[in-house]
C-alpha atoms as a PDB file:
ATOM      1  CA  MET A   1      33.004 136.185  99.713  1.00  0.00           C
ATOM      2  CA  GLY A   2      36.073 134.194 100.713  1.00  0.00           C
ATOM      3  CA  SER A   3      34.163 130.976 101.335  1.00  0.00           C
ATOM      4  CA  ALA A   4      32.392 131.347  97.977  1.00  0.00           C
ATOM      5  CA  LEU A   5      35.779 131.554  96.235  1.00  0.00           C
ATOM      6  CA  GLU A   6      36.912 128.214  97.672  1.00  0.00           C
ATOM      7  CA  SER A   7      34.923 126.369  94.993  1.00  0.00           C
ATOM      8  CA  TYR A   8      36.740 128.338  92.252  1.00  0.00           C
ATOM      9  CA  VAL A   9      40.283 127.350  93.309  1.00  0.00           C
ATOM     10  CA  ASN A  10      42.089 125.549  90.452  1.00  0.00           C
ATOM     11  CA  ARG A  11      39.324 126.557  88.022  1.00  0.00           C
ATOM     12  CA  VAL A  12      39.459 129.121  85.234  1.00  0.00           C
ATOM     13  CA  VAL A  13      37.846 132.405  86.258  1.00  0.00           C
ATOM     14  CA  SER A  14      37.180 135.766  84.657  1.00  0.00           C
ATOM     15  CA  ILE A  15      37.745 138.878  86.760  1.00  0.00           C
ATOM     16  CA  ILE A  16      36.497 142.386  85.998  1.00  0.00           C
ATOM     17  CA  THR A  17      38.334 145.059  87.956  1.00  0.00           C
ATOM     18  CA  ALA A  18      37.068 148.422  89.173  1.00  0.00           C
ATOM     19  CA  ASP A  19      39.205 150.132  86.547  1.00  0.00           C
ATOM     20  CA  GLY A  20      37.416 148.197  83.769  1.00  0.00           C
ATOM     21  CA  ARG A  21      40.037 145.558  82.948  1.00  0.00           C
ATOM     22  CA  ASN A  22      39.249 141.877  82.232  1.00  0.00           C
ATOM     23  CA  PHE A  23      41.593 139.124  83.409  1.00  0.00           C
ATOM     24  CA  VAL A  24      41.202 135.397  82.763  1.00  0.00           C
ATOM     25  CA  GLY A  25      43.245 132.673  84.442  1.00  0.00           C
ATOM     26  CA  THR A  26      43.347 129.757  86.839  1.00  0.00           C
ATOM     27  CA  LEU A  27      42.548 130.834  90.393  1.00  0.00           C
ATOM     28  CA  LYS A  28      45.402 129.533  92.541  1.00  0.00           C
ATOM     29  CA  GLY A  29      44.602 131.267  95.802  1.00  0.00           C
ATOM     30  CA  PHE A  30      43.288 134.264  97.690  1.00  0.00           C
ATOM     31  CA  ASP A  31      43.541 135.799 101.137  1.00  0.00           C
ATOM     32  CA  GLN A  32      41.147 137.389 103.647  1.00  0.00           C
ATOM     33  CA  THR A  33      41.107 140.697 101.718  1.00  0.00           C
ATOM     34  CA  ILE A  34      40.338 138.836  98.444  1.00  0.00           C
ATOM     35  CA  ASN A  35      43.745 139.501  96.901  1.00  0.00           C
ATOM     36  CA  ILE A  36      43.742 136.998  94.025  1.00  0.00           C
ATOM     37  CA  ILE A  37      46.532 134.863  92.570  1.00  0.00           C
ATOM     38  CA  LEU A  38      45.937 133.821  88.945  1.00  0.00           C
ATOM     39  CA  ASP A  39      48.127 131.389  87.026  1.00  0.00           C
ATOM     40  CA  GLU A  40      48.312 131.038  83.235  1.00  0.00           C
ATOM     41  CA  SER A  41      46.536 134.381  83.099  1.00  0.00           C
ATOM     42  CA  GLN A  42      45.852 136.823  80.323  1.00  0.00           C
ATOM     43  CA  GLU A  43      44.294 140.241  80.031  1.00  0.00           C
ATOM     44  CA  ARG A  44      41.628 140.712  77.390  1.00  0.00           C
ATOM     45  CA  VAL A  45      41.652 144.212  75.942  1.00  0.00           C
ATOM     46  CA  TYR A  46      38.490 145.184  74.062  1.00  0.00           C
ATOM     47  CA  ASN A  47      38.486 147.652  71.195  1.00  0.00           C
ATOM     48  CA  PRO A  48      35.588 148.964  69.066  1.00  0.00           C
ATOM     49  CA  ASN A  49      37.659 148.899  65.856  1.00  0.00           C
ATOM     50  CA  GLN A  50      39.520 145.596  66.013  1.00  0.00           C
ATOM     51  CA  GLY A  51      39.255 142.229  67.729  1.00  0.00           C
ATOM     52  CA  VAL A  52      40.021 141.459  71.352  1.00  0.00           C
ATOM     53  CA  GLU A  53      43.731 141.584  72.159  1.00  0.00           C
ATOM     54  CA  GLN A  54      44.799 138.843  74.572  1.00  0.00           C
ATOM     55  CA  ILE A  55      47.950 139.733  76.501  1.00  0.00           C
ATOM     56  CA  THR A  56      49.667 136.788  78.208  1.00  0.00           C
ATOM     57  CA  LEU A  57      50.629 137.590  81.808  1.00  0.00           C
ATOM     58  CA  GLY A  58      51.433 134.217  83.377  1.00  0.00           C
ATOM     59  CA  LEU A  59      51.340 134.343  87.180  1.00  0.00           C
ATOM     60  CA  HIS A  60      49.467 137.499  88.186  1.00  0.00           C
ATOM     61  CA  ILE A  61      48.216 139.042  91.441  1.00  0.00           C
ATOM     62  CA  ILE A  62      45.146 141.287  91.595  1.00  0.00           C
ATOM     63  CA  ARG A  63      44.445 143.407  94.670  1.00  0.00           C
ATOM     64  CA  GLY A  64      41.135 142.612  96.313  1.00  0.00           C
ATOM     65  CA  ASP A  65      40.067 146.234  96.610  1.00  0.00           C
ATOM     66  CA  ASN A  66      40.218 146.546  92.804  1.00  0.00           C
ATOM     67  CA  ILE A  67      37.966 143.539  92.040  1.00  0.00           C
ATOM     68  CA  ALA A  68      34.404 144.234  90.911  1.00  0.00           C
ATOM     69  CA  VAL A  69      33.274 140.775  89.663  1.00  0.00           C
ATOM     70  CA  ILE A  70      34.651 137.222  89.740  1.00  0.00           C
ATOM     71  CA  GLY A  71      33.020 134.366  87.870  1.00  0.00           C
ATOM     72  CA  GLU A  72      33.887 130.883  86.689  1.00  0.00           C
ATOM     73  CA  LEU A  73      34.553 130.697  82.950  1.00  0.00           C
ATOM     74  CA  ASP A  74      32.957 127.983  80.808  1.00  0.00           C
ATOM     75  CA  GLU A  75      36.114 126.785  79.028  1.00  0.00           C
ATOM     76  CA  GLU A  76      34.214 124.958  76.262  1.00  0.00           C
ATOM     77  CA  VAL A  77      32.246 128.059  75.294  1.00  0.00           C
ATOM     78  CA  ASP A  78      35.324 130.267  75.639  1.00  0.00           C
ATOM     79  CA  ALA A  79      37.344 127.987  73.321  1.00  0.00           C
ATOM     80  CA  ARG A  80      34.716 128.364  70.572  1.00  0.00           C
ATOM     81  CA  LEU A  81      34.805 132.177  70.585  1.00  0.00           C
ATOM     82  CA  ASP A  82      36.583 133.994  67.753  1.00  0.00           C
ATOM     83  CA  PHE A  83      38.178 136.861  69.692  1.00  0.00           C
ATOM     84  CA  SER A  84      39.516 138.447  66.501  1.00  0.00           C
ATOM     85  CA  ALA A  85      35.902 139.094  65.426  1.00  0.00           C
ATOM     86  CA  ILE A  86      34.638 140.470  68.748  1.00  0.00           C
ATOM     87  CA  LYS A  87      34.572 144.261  68.820  1.00  0.00           C
ATOM     88  CA  ALA A  88      33.439 146.177  71.882  1.00  0.00           C
ATOM     89  CA  GLU A  89      33.999 149.351  73.821  1.00  0.00           C
ATOM     90  CA  ALA A  90      36.269 149.016  76.837  1.00  0.00           C
ATOM     91  CA  LEU A  91      34.539 149.197  80.217  1.00  0.00           C
ATOM     92  CA  ASN A  92      34.689 152.528  82.005  1.00  0.00           C
ATOM     93  CA  PRO A  93      36.222 152.609  85.480  1.00  0.00           C
ATOM     94  CA  ILE A  94      33.930 152.659  88.506  1.00  0.00           C
ATOM     95  CA  ILE A  95      33.681 156.172  89.919  1.00  0.00           C
ATOM     96  CA  HIS A  96      32.922 156.494  93.641  1.00  0.00           C
END
């Protein structure tokens, strides 16, 4: 997976963690255990009753063993989304 992440460095990515959280930020680096360094990051908290809350985190590290999915974010599409109108259930954590 490490070599696949090389192409994402300095690009905006979305990360879903095993505990169901969603982080978005610029991938600045990673190590052999896929610990991730995000810059200009935010957590997106979904709620079924109100819009998506975006919490600014800045520089943030995510442990590799907690990462479920990493994908590049289409910034143009993301900029057009009205997060205040998006309502959704939060993701459940992965149970082993």
